[in-house]
Amino acid sequence: LEIVEYLKPEQTYFTHISHHLGFHDEIDAQLPDGVNLAYD
């Protein structure tokens, strides 16, 4: 998220995700506008 804040792309998708990040829907709902978890 710090890198995203520095670069300020229009849209970011996070990938290479471990189960330790948490449930997709719960984490995705907490992310800033313009940032989402990718999914298969």
PDB file of all heavy atoms in Angstrom:
ATOM      1  N   LEU A   1       0.827  -1.212   0.000  1.00  0.00           N
ATOM      2  CA  LEU A   1       0.000   0.000   0.000  1.00  0.00           C
ATOM      3  C   LEU A   1       0.862   1.263   0.000  1.00  0.00           C
ATOM      4  O   LEU A   1       0.486   2.279  -0.615  1.00  0.00           O
ATOM      5  CB  LEU A   1      -0.940  -0.004   1.200  1.00  0.00           C
ATOM      6  CG  LEU A   1      -2.124  -0.976   1.100  1.00  0.00           C
ATOM      7  CD1 LEU A   1      -2.834  -1.095   2.440  1.00  0.00           C
ATOM      8  CD2 LEU A   1      -3.107  -0.545   0.009  1.00  0.00           C
ATOM      9  N   GLU A   2       2.011   1.214   0.647  1.00  0.00           N
ATOM     10  CA  GLU A   2       2.924   2.361   0.615  1.00  0.00           C
ATOM     11  C   GLU A   2       3.411   2.636  -0.803  1.00  0.00           C
ATOM     12  O   GLU A   2       3.511   3.798  -1.229  1.00  0.00           O
ATOM     13  CB  GLU A   2       4.123   2.103   1.534  1.00  0.00           C
ATOM     14  CG  GLU A   2       3.805   2.167   3.010  1.00  0.00           C
ATOM     15  CD  GLU A   2       5.005   1.819   3.867  1.00  0.00           C
ATOM     16  OE1 GLU A   2       6.124   1.675   3.307  1.00  0.00           O
ATOM     17  OE2 GLU A   2       4.835   1.672   5.101  1.00  0.00           O
ATOM     18  N   ILE A   3       3.703   1.583  -1.557  1.00  0.00           N
ATOM     19  CA  ILE A   3       4.138   1.756  -2.949  1.00  0.00           C
ATOM     20  C   ILE A   3       3.000   2.324  -3.795  1.00  0.00           C
ATOM     21  O   ILE A   3       3.209   3.209  -4.634  1.00  0.00           O
ATOM     22  CB  ILE A   3       4.640   0.406  -3.508  1.00  0.00           C
ATOM     23  CG1 ILE A   3       5.979   0.044  -2.854  1.00  0.00           C
ATOM     24  CG2 ILE A   3       4.778   0.461  -5.033  1.00  0.00           C
ATOM     25  CD1 ILE A   3       6.508  -1.307  -3.245  1.00  0.00           C
ATOM     26  N   VAL A   4       1.803   1.831  -3.562  1.00  0.00           N
ATOM     27  CA  VAL A   4       0.642   2.356  -4.292  1.00  0.00           C
ATOM     28  C   VAL A   4       0.456   3.838  -4.001  1.00  0.00           C
ATOM     29  O   VAL A   4       0.197   4.644  -4.906  1.00  0.00           O
ATOM     30  CB  VAL A   4      -0.633   1.564  -3.923  1.00  0.00           C
ATOM     31  CG1 VAL A   4      -1.870   2.218  -4.515  1.00  0.00           C
ATOM     32  CG2 VAL A   4      -0.512   0.123  -4.406  1.00  0.00           C
ATOM     33  N   GLU A   5       0.608   4.229  -2.749  1.00  0.00           N
ATOM     34  CA  GLU A   5       0.453   5.631  -2.372  1.00  0.00           C
ATOM     35  C   GLU A   5       1.495   6.500  -3.067  1.00  0.00           C
ATOM     36  O   GLU A   5       1.224   7.640  -3.474  1.00  0.00           O
ATOM     37  CB  GLU A   5       0.559   5.775  -0.858  1.00  0.00           C
ATOM     38  CG  GLU A   5       0.457   7.207  -0.341  1.00  0.00           C
ATOM     39  CD  GLU A   5      -0.855   7.884  -0.687  1.00  0.00           C
ATOM     40  OE1 GLU A   5      -1.883   7.183  -0.863  1.00  0.00           O
ATOM     41  OE2 GLU A   5      -0.854   9.129  -0.799  1.00  0.00           O
ATOM     42  N   TYR A   6       2.704   5.989  -3.229  1.00  0.00           N
ATOM     43  CA  TYR A   6       3.769   6.739  -3.898  1.00  0.00           C
ATOM     44  C   TYR A   6       3.504   6.856  -5.401  1.00  0.00           C
ATOM     45  O   TYR A   6       3.657   7.927  -5.994  1.00  0.00           O
ATOM     46  CB  TYR A   6       5.117   6.060  -3.649  1.00  0.00           C
ATOM     47  CG  TYR A   6       6.266   6.695  -4.398  1.00  0.00           C
ATOM     48  CD1 TYR A   6       6.827   7.896  -3.955  1.00  0.00           C
ATOM     49  CD2 TYR A   6       6.783   6.109  -5.553  1.00  0.00           C
ATOM     50  CE1 TYR A   6       7.875   8.488  -4.647  1.00  0.00           C
ATOM     51  CE2 TYR A   6       7.825   6.685  -6.249  1.00  0.00           C
ATOM     52  CZ  TYR A   6       8.375   7.881  -5.794  1.00  0.00           C
ATOM     53  OH  TYR A   6       9.401   8.469  -6.485  1.00  0.00           O
ATOM     54  N   LEU A   7       3.079   5.762  -6.027  1.00  0.00           N
ATOM     55  CA  LEU A   7       2.922   5.744  -7.483  1.00  0.00           C
ATOM     56  C   LEU A   7       1.592   6.324  -7.948  1.00  0.00           C
ATOM     57  O   LEU A   7       1.505   6.843  -9.057  1.00  0.00           O
ATOM     58  CB  LEU A   7       3.063   4.304  -7.996  1.00  0.00           C
ATOM     59  CG  LEU A   7       4.433   3.658  -7.824  1.00  0.00           C
ATOM     60  CD1 LEU A   7       4.378   2.202  -8.271  1.00  0.00           C
ATOM     61  CD2 LEU A   7       5.488   4.414  -8.619  1.00  0.00           C
ATOM     62  N   LYS A   8       0.558   6.146  -7.148  1.00  0.00           N
ATOM     63  CA  LYS A   8      -0.780   6.639  -7.468  1.00  0.00           C
ATOM     64  C   LYS A   8      -1.286   6.186  -8.858  1.00  0.00           C
ATOM     65  O   LYS A   8      -1.706   7.005  -9.684  1.00  0.00           O
ATOM     66  CB  LYS A   8      -0.829   8.167  -7.374  1.00  0.00           C
ATOM     67  CG  LYS A   8      -0.616   8.692  -5.959  1.00  0.00           C
ATOM     68  CD  LYS A   8      -0.706  10.193  -5.904  1.00  0.00           C
ATOM     69  CE  LYS A   8      -0.693  10.773  -4.502  1.00  0.00           C
ATOM     70  NZ  LYS A   8      -0.141   9.996  -3.426  1.00  0.00           N
ATOM     71  N   PRO A   9      -1.247   4.880  -9.125  1.00  0.00           N
ATOM     72  CA  PRO A   9      -1.873   4.394 -10.363  1.00  0.00           C
ATOM     73  C   PRO A   9      -3.385   4.582 -10.293  1.00  0.00           C
ATOM     74  O   PRO A   9      -3.951   4.720  -9.198  1.00  0.00           O
ATOM     75  CB  PRO A   9      -1.497   2.918 -10.389  1.00  0.00           C
ATOM     76  CG  PRO A   9      -1.304   2.566  -8.951  1.00  0.00           C
ATOM     77  CD  PRO A   9      -0.762   3.788  -8.284  1.00  0.00           C
ATOM     78  N   GLU A  10      -4.044   4.558 -11.448  1.00  0.00           N
ATOM     79  CA  GLU A  10      -5.502   4.676 -11.441  1.00  0.00           C
ATOM     80  C   GLU A  10      -6.154   3.487 -10.739  1.00  0.00           C
ATOM     81  O   GLU A  10      -7.138   3.641 -10.016  1.00  0.00           O
ATOM     82  CB  GLU A  10      -6.020   4.805 -12.874  1.00  0.00           C
ATOM     83  CG  GLU A  10      -5.632   6.112 -13.556  1.00  0.00           C
ATOM     84  CD  GLU A  10      -6.213   6.222 -14.950  1.00  0.00           C
ATOM     85  OE1 GLU A  10      -7.167   5.472 -15.285  1.00  0.00           O
ATOM     86  OE2 GLU A  10      -5.705   7.053 -15.728  1.00  0.00           O
ATOM     87  N   GLN A  11      -5.605   2.296 -10.956  1.00  0.00           N
ATOM     88  CA  GLN A  11      -6.155   1.083 -10.350  1.00  0.00           C
ATOM     89  C   GLN A  11      -5.016   0.135 -10.020  1.00  0.00           C
ATOM     90  O   GLN A  11      -4.084  -0.025 -10.812  1.00  0.00           O
ATOM     91  CB  GLN A  11      -7.136   0.398 -11.297  1.00  0.00           C
ATOM     92  CG  GLN A  11      -7.683  -0.932 -10.803  1.00  0.00           C
ATOM     93  CD  GLN A  11      -8.574  -0.791  -9.582  1.00  0.00           C
ATOM     94  OE1 GLN A  11      -9.462   0.067  -9.543  1.00  0.00           O
ATOM     95  NE2 GLN A  11      -8.356  -1.617  -8.567  1.00  0.00           N
ATOM     96  N   THR A  12      -5.099  -0.500  -8.861  1.00  0.00           N
ATOM     97  CA  THR A  12      -4.105  -1.492  -8.448  1.00  0.00           C
ATOM     98  C   THR A  12      -4.800  -2.800  -8.120  1.00  0.00           C
ATOM     99  O   THR A  12      -5.884  -2.810  -7.517  1.00  0.00           O
ATOM    100  CB  THR A  12      -3.330  -1.006  -7.206  1.00  0.00           C
ATOM    101  OG1 THR A  12      -2.630   0.195  -7.525  1.00  0.00           O
ATOM    102  CG2 THR A  12      -2.324  -2.062  -6.747  1.00  0.00           C
ATOM    103  N   TYR A  13      -4.156  -3.893  -8.512  1.00  0.00           N
ATOM    104  CA  TYR A  13      -4.607  -5.234  -8.124  1.00  0.00           C
ATOM    105  C   TYR A  13      -3.454  -5.937  -7.422  1.00  0.00           C
ATOM    106  O   TYR A  13      -2.344  -6.005  -7.957  1.00  0.00           O
ATOM    107  CB  TYR A  13      -5.038  -6.047  -9.344  1.00  0.00           C
ATOM    108  CG  TYR A  13      -6.276  -5.518 -10.018  1.00  0.00           C
ATOM    109  CD1 TYR A  13      -6.165  -4.677 -11.118  1.00  0.00           C
ATOM    110  CD2 TYR A  13      -7.550  -5.847  -9.561  1.00  0.00           C
ATOM    111  CE1 TYR A  13      -7.295  -4.172 -11.749  1.00  0.00           C
ATOM    112  CE2 TYR A  13      -8.681  -5.353 -10.181  1.00  0.00           C
ATOM    113  CZ  TYR A  13      -8.546  -4.522 -11.278  1.00  0.00           C
ATOM    114  OH  TYR A  13      -9.666  -4.020 -11.894  1.00  0.00           O
ATOM    115  N   PHE A  14      -3.710  -6.470  -6.233  1.00  0.00           N
ATOM    116  CA  PHE A  14      -2.700  -7.229  -5.514  1.00  0.00           C
ATOM    117  C   PHE A  14      -2.800  -8.709  -5.890  1.00  0.00           C
ATOM    118  O   PHE A  14      -3.898  -9.260  -6.055  1.00  0.00           O
ATOM    119  CB  PHE A  14      -2.875  -7.075  -4.007  1.00  0.00           C
ATOM    120  CG  PHE A  14      -2.516  -5.707  -3.496  1.00  0.00           C
ATOM    121  CD1 PHE A  14      -3.187  -5.167  -2.405  1.00  0.00           C
ATOM    122  CD2 PHE A  14      -1.492  -4.970  -4.072  1.00  0.00           C
ATOM    123  CE1 PHE A  14      -2.854  -3.909  -1.912  1.00  0.00           C
ATOM    124  CE2 PHE A  14      -1.147  -3.721  -3.596  1.00  0.00           C
ATOM    125  CZ  PHE A  14      -1.835  -3.186  -2.513  1.00  0.00           C
ATOM    126  N   THR A  15      -1.627  -9.335  -5.996  1.00  0.00           N
ATOM    127  CA  THR A  15      -1.548 -10.744  -6.374  1.00  0.00           C
ATOM    128  C   THR A  15      -0.469 -11.431  -5.556  1.00  0.00           C
ATOM    129  O   THR A  15       0.101 -10.857  -4.638  1.00  0.00           O
ATOM    130  CB  THR A  15      -1.301 -10.878  -7.892  1.00  0.00           C
ATOM    131  OG1 THR A  15      -1.487 -12.241  -8.289  1.00  0.00           O
ATOM    132  CG2 THR A  15       0.107 -10.419  -8.271  1.00  0.00           C
ATOM    133  N   HIS A  16      -0.177 -12.688  -5.876  1.00  0.00           N
ATOM    134  CA  HIS A  16       0.776 -13.527  -5.126  1.00  0.00           C
ATOM    135  C   HIS A  16       0.393 -13.527  -3.649  1.00  0.00           C
ATOM    136  O   HIS A  16       1.172 -13.163  -2.771  1.00  0.00           O
ATOM    137  CB  HIS A  16       2.214 -13.057  -5.335  1.00  0.00           C
ATOM    138  CG  HIS A  16       3.217 -14.179  -5.151  1.00  0.00           C
ATOM    139  ND1 HIS A  16       3.518 -14.704  -3.928  1.00  0.00           N
ATOM    140  CD2 HIS A  16       3.955 -14.861  -6.053  1.00  0.00           C
ATOM    141  CE1 HIS A  16       4.420 -15.660  -4.061  1.00  0.00           C
ATOM    142  NE2 HIS A  16       4.698 -15.782  -5.357  1.00  0.00           N
ATOM    143  N   ILE A  17      -0.827 -13.956  -3.401  1.00  0.00           N
ATOM    144  CA  ILE A  17      -1.484 -13.831  -2.098  1.00  0.00           C
ATOM    145  C   ILE A  17      -1.438 -15.155  -1.341  1.00  0.00           C
ATOM    146  O   ILE A  17      -1.745 -16.204  -1.888  1.00  0.00           O
ATOM    147  CB  ILE A  17      -2.941 -13.378  -2.317  1.00  0.00           C
ATOM    148  CG1 ILE A  17      -2.960 -11.940  -2.862  1.00  0.00           C
ATOM    149  CG2 ILE A  17      -3.759 -13.488  -1.036  1.00  0.00           C
ATOM    150  CD1 ILE A  17      -4.298 -11.525  -3.426  1.00  0.00           C
ATOM    151  N   SER A  18      -1.078 -15.075  -0.079  1.00  0.00           N
ATOM    152  CA  SER A  18      -1.058 -16.227   0.819  1.00  0.00           C
ATOM    153  C   SER A  18      -2.380 -16.329   1.570  1.00  0.00           C
ATOM    154  O   SER A  18      -3.094 -15.335   1.743  1.00  0.00           O
ATOM    155  CB  SER A  18       0.098 -16.078   1.810  1.00  0.00           C
ATOM    156  OG  SER A  18      -0.082 -16.887   2.951  1.00  0.00           O
ATOM    157  N   HIS A  19      -2.670 -17.538   2.058  1.00  0.00           N
ATOM    158  CA  HIS A  19      -3.845 -17.691   2.911  1.00  0.00           C
ATOM    159  C   HIS A  19      -3.746 -16.845   4.172  1.00  0.00           C
ATOM    160  O   HIS A  19      -4.746 -16.495   4.781  1.00  0.00           O
ATOM    161  CB  HIS A  19      -4.057 -19.170   3.270  1.00  0.00           C
ATOM    162  CG  HIS A  19      -2.924 -19.805   4.021  1.00  0.00           C
ATOM    163  ND1 HIS A  19      -1.655 -19.948   3.490  1.00  0.00           N
ATOM    164  CD2 HIS A  19      -2.860 -20.332   5.271  1.00  0.00           C
ATOM    165  CE1 HIS A  19      -0.875 -20.542   4.374  1.00  0.00           C
ATOM    166  NE2 HIS A  19      -1.577 -20.778   5.462  1.00  0.00           N
ATOM    167  N   HIS A  20      -2.517 -16.469   4.554  1.00  0.00           N
ATOM    168  CA  HIS A  20      -2.327 -15.655   5.758  1.00  0.00           C
ATOM    169  C   HIS A  20      -2.781 -14.208   5.566  1.00  0.00           C
ATOM    170  O   HIS A  20      -2.881 -13.470   6.554  1.00  0.00           O
ATOM    171  CB  HIS A  20      -0.866 -15.678   6.195  1.00  0.00           C
ATOM    172  CG  HIS A  20      -0.415 -17.008   6.726  1.00  0.00           C
ATOM    173  ND1 HIS A  20      -0.984 -17.597   7.836  1.00  0.00           N
ATOM    174  CD2 HIS A  20       0.537 -17.862   6.280  1.00  0.00           C
ATOM    175  CE1 HIS A  20      -0.393 -18.760   8.069  1.00  0.00           C
ATOM    176  NE2 HIS A  20       0.522 -18.947   7.136  1.00  0.00           N
ATOM    177  N   LEU A  21      -3.063 -13.791   4.328  1.00  0.00           N
ATOM    178  CA  LEU A  21      -3.610 -12.452   4.133  1.00  0.00           C
ATOM    179  C   LEU A  21      -5.038 -12.370   4.670  1.00  0.00           C
ATOM    180  O   LEU A  21      -5.477 -11.323   5.148  1.00  0.00           O
ATOM    181  CB  LEU A  21      -3.577 -12.068   2.653  1.00  0.00           C
ATOM    182  CG  LEU A  21      -4.005 -10.635   2.333  1.00  0.00           C
ATOM    183  CD1 LEU A  21      -3.071  -9.622   2.988  1.00  0.00           C
ATOM    184  CD2 LEU A  21      -4.051 -10.407   0.818  1.00  0.00           C
ATOM    185  N   GLY A  22      -5.771 -13.475   4.587  1.00  0.00           N
ATOM    186  CA  GLY A  22      -7.140 -13.495   5.079  1.00  0.00           C
ATOM    187  C   GLY A  22      -8.133 -13.781   3.977  1.00  0.00           C
ATOM    188  O   GLY A  22      -7.762 -14.026   2.816  1.00  0.00           O
ATOM    189  N   PHE A  23      -9.413 -13.740   4.319  1.00  0.00           N
ATOM    190  CA  PHE A  23     -10.471 -14.008   3.354  1.00  0.00           C
ATOM    191  C   PHE A  23     -10.537 -12.881   2.322  1.00  0.00           C
ATOM    192  O   PHE A  23     -10.478 -11.702   2.669  1.00  0.00           O
ATOM    193  CB  PHE A  23     -11.823 -14.133   4.064  1.00  0.00           C
ATOM    194  CG  PHE A  23     -11.945 -15.335   4.940  1.00  0.00           C
ATOM    195  CD1 PHE A  23     -11.858 -15.210   6.325  1.00  0.00           C
ATOM    196  CD2 PHE A  23     -12.141 -16.591   4.395  1.00  0.00           C
ATOM    197  CE1 PHE A  23     -11.971 -16.316   7.145  1.00  0.00           C
ATOM    198  CE2 PHE A  23     -12.256 -17.716   5.209  1.00  0.00           C
ATOM    199  CZ  PHE A  23     -12.166 -17.581   6.583  1.00  0.00           C
ATOM    200  N   HIS A  24     -10.678 -13.272   1.060  1.00  0.00           N
ATOM    201  CA  HIS A  24     -10.689 -12.305  -0.028  1.00  0.00           C
ATOM    202  C   HIS A  24     -11.674 -11.173   0.215  1.00  0.00           C
ATOM    203  O   HIS A  24     -11.317  -9.983   0.162  1.00  0.00           O
ATOM    204  CB  HIS A  24     -11.010 -13.008  -1.352  1.00  0.00           C
ATOM    205  CG  HIS A  24     -11.046 -12.075  -2.522  1.00  0.00           C
ATOM    206  ND1 HIS A  24     -12.118 -11.255  -2.790  1.00  0.00           N
ATOM    207  CD2 HIS A  24     -10.144 -11.829  -3.496  1.00  0.00           C
ATOM    208  CE1 HIS A  24     -11.869 -10.535  -3.876  1.00  0.00           C
ATOM    209  NE2 HIS A  24     -10.679 -10.874  -4.318  1.00  0.00           N
ATOM    210  N   ASP A  25     -12.928 -11.499   0.458  1.00  0.00           N
ATOM    211  CA  ASP A  25     -13.963 -10.471   0.552  1.00  0.00           C
ATOM    212  C   ASP A  25     -13.732  -9.528   1.733  1.00  0.00           C
ATOM    213  O   ASP A  25     -13.981  -8.323   1.629  1.00  0.00           O
ATOM    214  CB  ASP A  25     -15.346 -11.116   0.658  1.00  0.00           C
ATOM    215  CG  ASP A  25     -15.781 -11.765  -0.645  1.00  0.00           C
ATOM    216  OD1 ASP A  25     -15.111 -11.553  -1.680  1.00  0.00           O
ATOM    217  OD2 ASP A  25     -16.798 -12.504  -0.624  1.00  0.00           O
ATOM    218  N   GLU A  26     -13.252 -10.063   2.846  1.00  0.00           N
ATOM    219  CA  GLU A  26     -13.018  -9.230   4.027  1.00  0.00           C
ATOM    220  C   GLU A  26     -11.873  -8.248   3.798  1.00  0.00           C
ATOM    221  O   GLU A  26     -11.977  -7.063   4.144  1.00  0.00           O
ATOM    222  CB  GLU A  26     -12.726 -10.111   5.244  1.00  0.00           C
ATOM    223  CG  GLU A  26     -13.921 -10.922   5.723  1.00  0.00           C
ATOM    224  CD  GLU A  26     -13.607 -11.753   6.950  1.00  0.00           C
ATOM    225  OE1 GLU A  26     -12.475 -11.620   7.493  1.00  0.00           O
ATOM    226  OE2 GLU A  26     -14.476 -12.532   7.378  1.00  0.00           O
ATOM    227  N   ILE A  27     -10.769  -8.727   3.237  1.00  0.00           N
ATOM    228  CA  ILE A  27      -9.611  -7.853   3.001  1.00  0.00           C
ATOM    229  C   ILE A  27      -9.925  -6.852   1.892  1.00  0.00           C
ATOM    230  O   ILE A  27      -9.615  -5.658   2.000  1.00  0.00           O
ATOM    231  CB  ILE A  27      -8.364  -8.682   2.654  1.00  0.00           C
ATOM    232  CG1 ILE A  27      -8.008  -9.623   3.814  1.00  0.00           C
ATOM    233  CG2 ILE A  27      -7.189  -7.762   2.324  1.00  0.00           C
ATOM    234  CD1 ILE A  27      -7.697  -8.929   5.118  1.00  0.00           C
ATOM    235  N   ASP A  28     -10.554  -7.312   0.826  1.00  0.00           N
ATOM    236  CA  ASP A  28     -10.855  -6.435  -0.299  1.00  0.00           C
ATOM    237  C   ASP A  28     -11.726  -5.258   0.138  1.00  0.00           C
ATOM    238  O   ASP A  28     -11.538  -4.125  -0.326  1.00  0.00           O
ATOM    239  CB  ASP A  28     -11.551  -7.237  -1.405  1.00  0.00           C
ATOM    240  CG  ASP A  28     -11.597  -6.503  -2.725  1.00  0.00           C
ATOM    241  OD1 ASP A  28     -10.524  -6.243  -3.306  1.00  0.00           O
ATOM    242  OD2 ASP A  28     -12.711  -6.180  -3.197  1.00  0.00           O
ATOM    243  N   ALA A  29     -12.662  -5.497   1.035  1.00  0.00           N
ATOM    244  CA  ALA A  29     -13.564  -4.442   1.502  1.00  0.00           C
ATOM    245  C   ALA A  29     -12.840  -3.383   2.328  1.00  0.00           C
ATOM    246  O   ALA A  29     -13.344  -2.256   2.465  1.00  0.00           O
ATOM    247  CB  ALA A  29     -14.692  -5.053   2.325  1.00  0.00           C
ATOM    248  N   GLN A  30     -11.670  -3.710   2.860  1.00  0.00           N
ATOM    249  CA  GLN A  30     -10.921  -2.776   3.701  1.00  0.00           C
ATOM    250  C   GLN A  30      -9.924  -1.928   2.910  1.00  0.00           C
ATOM    251  O   GLN A  30      -9.331  -0.994   3.459  1.00  0.00           O
ATOM    252  CB  GLN A  30     -10.160  -3.545   4.786  1.00  0.00           C
ATOM    253  CG  GLN A  30     -11.039  -4.345   5.728  1.00  0.00           C
ATOM    254  CD  GLN A  30     -10.231  -5.258   6.632  1.00  0.00           C
ATOM    255  OE1 GLN A  30      -9.076  -4.985   6.948  1.00  0.00           O
ATOM    256  NE2 GLN A  30     -10.835  -6.352   7.058  1.00  0.00           N
ATOM    257  N   LEU A  31      -9.723  -2.228   1.642  1.00  0.00           N
ATOM    258  CA  LEU A  31      -8.696  -1.554   0.854  1.00  0.00           C
ATOM    259  C   LEU A  31      -9.169  -0.179   0.390  1.00  0.00           C
ATOM    260  O   LEU A  31     -10.374   0.054   0.235  1.00  0.00           O
ATOM    261  CB  LEU A  31      -8.303  -2.415  -0.342  1.00  0.00           C
ATOM    262  CG  LEU A  31      -7.646  -3.757  -0.002  1.00  0.00           C
ATOM    263  CD1 LEU A  31      -7.404  -4.570  -1.264  1.00  0.00           C
ATOM    264  CD2 LEU A  31      -6.333  -3.544   0.767  1.00  0.00           C
ATOM    265  N   PRO A  32      -8.230   0.731   0.139  1.00  0.00           N
ATOM    266  CA  PRO A  32      -8.605   2.072  -0.333  1.00  0.00           C
ATOM    267  C   PRO A  32      -9.277   2.017  -1.711  1.00  0.00           C
ATOM    268  O   PRO A  32      -9.166   1.023  -2.435  1.00  0.00           O
ATOM    269  CB  PRO A  32      -7.261   2.807  -0.417  1.00  0.00           C
ATOM    270  CG  PRO A  32      -6.292   1.985   0.355  1.00  0.00           C
ATOM    271  CD  PRO A  32      -6.774   0.577   0.306  1.00  0.00           C
ATOM    272  N   ASP A  33      -9.935   3.105  -2.066  1.00  0.00           N
ATOM    273  CA  ASP A  33     -10.517   3.201  -3.405  1.00  0.00           C
ATOM    274  C   ASP A  33      -9.429   3.019  -4.455  1.00  0.00           C
ATOM    275  O   ASP A  33      -8.315   3.549  -4.324  1.00  0.00           O
ATOM    276  CB  ASP A  33     -11.179   4.568  -3.599  1.00  0.00           C
ATOM    277  CG  ASP A  33     -12.440   4.732  -2.767  1.00  0.00           C
ATOM    278  OD1 ASP A  33     -12.969   3.710  -2.275  1.00  0.00           O
ATOM    279  OD2 ASP A  33     -12.888   5.882  -2.610  1.00  0.00           O
ATOM    280  N   GLY A  34      -9.745   2.281  -5.494  1.00  0.00           N
ATOM    281  CA  GLY A  34      -8.775   2.062  -6.563  1.00  0.00           C
ATOM    282  C   GLY A  34      -7.789   0.953  -6.290  1.00  0.00           C
ATOM    283  O   GLY A  34      -6.856   0.747  -7.067  1.00  0.00           O
ATOM    284  N   VAL A  35      -7.966   0.224  -5.173  1.00  0.00           N
ATOM    285  CA  VAL A  35      -7.091  -0.907  -4.835  1.00  0.00           C
ATOM    286  C   VAL A  35      -7.971  -2.111  -4.544  1.00  0.00           C
ATOM    287  O   VAL A  35      -8.911  -2.020  -3.748  1.00  0.00           O
ATOM    288  CB  VAL A  35      -6.202  -0.601  -3.620  1.00  0.00           C
ATOM    289  CG1 VAL A  35      -5.277  -1.786  -3.327  1.00  0.00           C
ATOM    290  CG2 VAL A  35      -5.381   0.668  -3.844  1.00  0.00           C
ATOM    291  N   ASN A  36      -7.662  -3.225  -5.197  1.00  0.00           N
ATOM    292  CA  ASN A  36      -8.428  -4.458  -4.985  1.00  0.00           C
ATOM    293  C   ASN A  36      -7.511  -5.658  -4.972  1.00  0.00           C
ATOM    294  O   ASN A  36      -6.409  -5.625  -5.529  1.00  0.00           O
ATOM    295  CB  ASN A  36      -9.466  -4.653  -6.092  1.00  0.00           C
ATOM    296  CG  ASN A  36     -10.568  -3.619  -6.056  1.00  0.00           C
ATOM    297  OD1 ASN A  36     -10.528  -2.646  -6.804  1.00  0.00           O
ATOM    298  ND2 ASN A  36     -11.549  -3.800  -5.187  1.00  0.00           N
ATOM    299  N   LEU A  37      -7.972  -6.732  -4.339  1.00  0.00           N
ATOM    300  CA  LEU A  37      -7.304  -8.019  -4.479  1.00  0.00           C
ATOM    301  C   LEU A  37      -7.705  -8.619  -5.818  1.00  0.00           C
ATOM    302  O   LEU A  37      -8.884  -8.634  -6.181  1.00  0.00           O
ATOM    303  CB  LEU A  37      -7.720  -8.975  -3.361  1.00  0.00           C
ATOM    304  CG  LEU A  37      -7.408  -8.580  -1.917  1.00  0.00           C
ATOM    305  CD1 LEU A  37      -7.775  -9.733  -0.991  1.00  0.00           C
ATOM    306  CD2 LEU A  37      -5.949  -8.189  -1.749  1.00  0.00           C
ATOM    307  N   ALA A  38      -6.730  -9.117  -6.551  1.00  0.00           N
ATOM    308  CA  ALA A  38      -7.042  -9.893  -7.749  1.00  0.00           C
ATOM    309  C   ALA A  38      -7.527 -11.274  -7.319  1.00  0.00           C
ATOM    310  O   ALA A  38      -7.345 -11.690  -6.172  1.00  0.00           O
ATOM    311  CB  ALA A  38      -5.814 -10.015  -8.637  1.00  0.00           C
ATOM    312  N   TYR A  39      -8.135 -11.979  -8.240  1.00  0.00           N
ATOM    313  CA  TYR A  39      -8.541 -13.360  -7.997  1.00  0.00           C
ATOM    314  C   TYR A  39      -8.456 -14.122  -9.304  1.00  0.00           C
ATOM    315  O   TYR A  39      -8.454 -13.541 -10.400  1.00  0.00           O
ATOM    316  CB  TYR A  39      -9.956 -13.432  -7.406  1.00  0.00           C
ATOM    317  CG  TYR A  39     -11.029 -12.718  -8.199  1.00  0.00           C
ATOM    318  CD1 TYR A  39     -11.719 -13.361  -9.226  1.00  0.00           C
ATOM    319  CD2 TYR A  39     -11.353 -11.391  -7.918  1.00  0.00           C
ATOM    320  CE1 TYR A  39     -12.696 -12.703  -9.948  1.00  0.00           C
ATOM    321  CE2 TYR A  39     -12.333 -10.727  -8.636  1.00  0.00           C
ATOM    322  CZ  TYR A  39     -13.004 -11.388  -9.654  1.00  0.00           C
ATOM    323  OH  TYR A  39     -13.964 -10.736 -10.380  1.00  0.00           O
ATOM    324  N   ASP A  40      -8.351 -15.422  -9.204  1.00  0.00           N
ATOM    325  CA  ASP A  40      -8.182 -16.264 -10.387  1.00  0.00           C
ATOM    326  C   ASP A  40      -9.338 -16.067 -11.362  1.00  0.00           C
ATOM    327  O   ASP A  40     -10.505 -16.023 -10.961  1.00  0.00           O
ATOM    328  CB  ASP A  40      -8.100 -17.737  -9.989  1.00  0.00           C
ATOM    329  CG  ASP A  40      -6.815 -18.078  -9.259  1.00  0.00           C
ATOM    330  OD1 ASP A  40      -6.131 -17.146  -8.792  1.00  0.00           O
ATOM    331  OD2 ASP A  40      -6.504 -19.282  -9.144  1.00  0.00           O
TER     332      ASP A  40
END
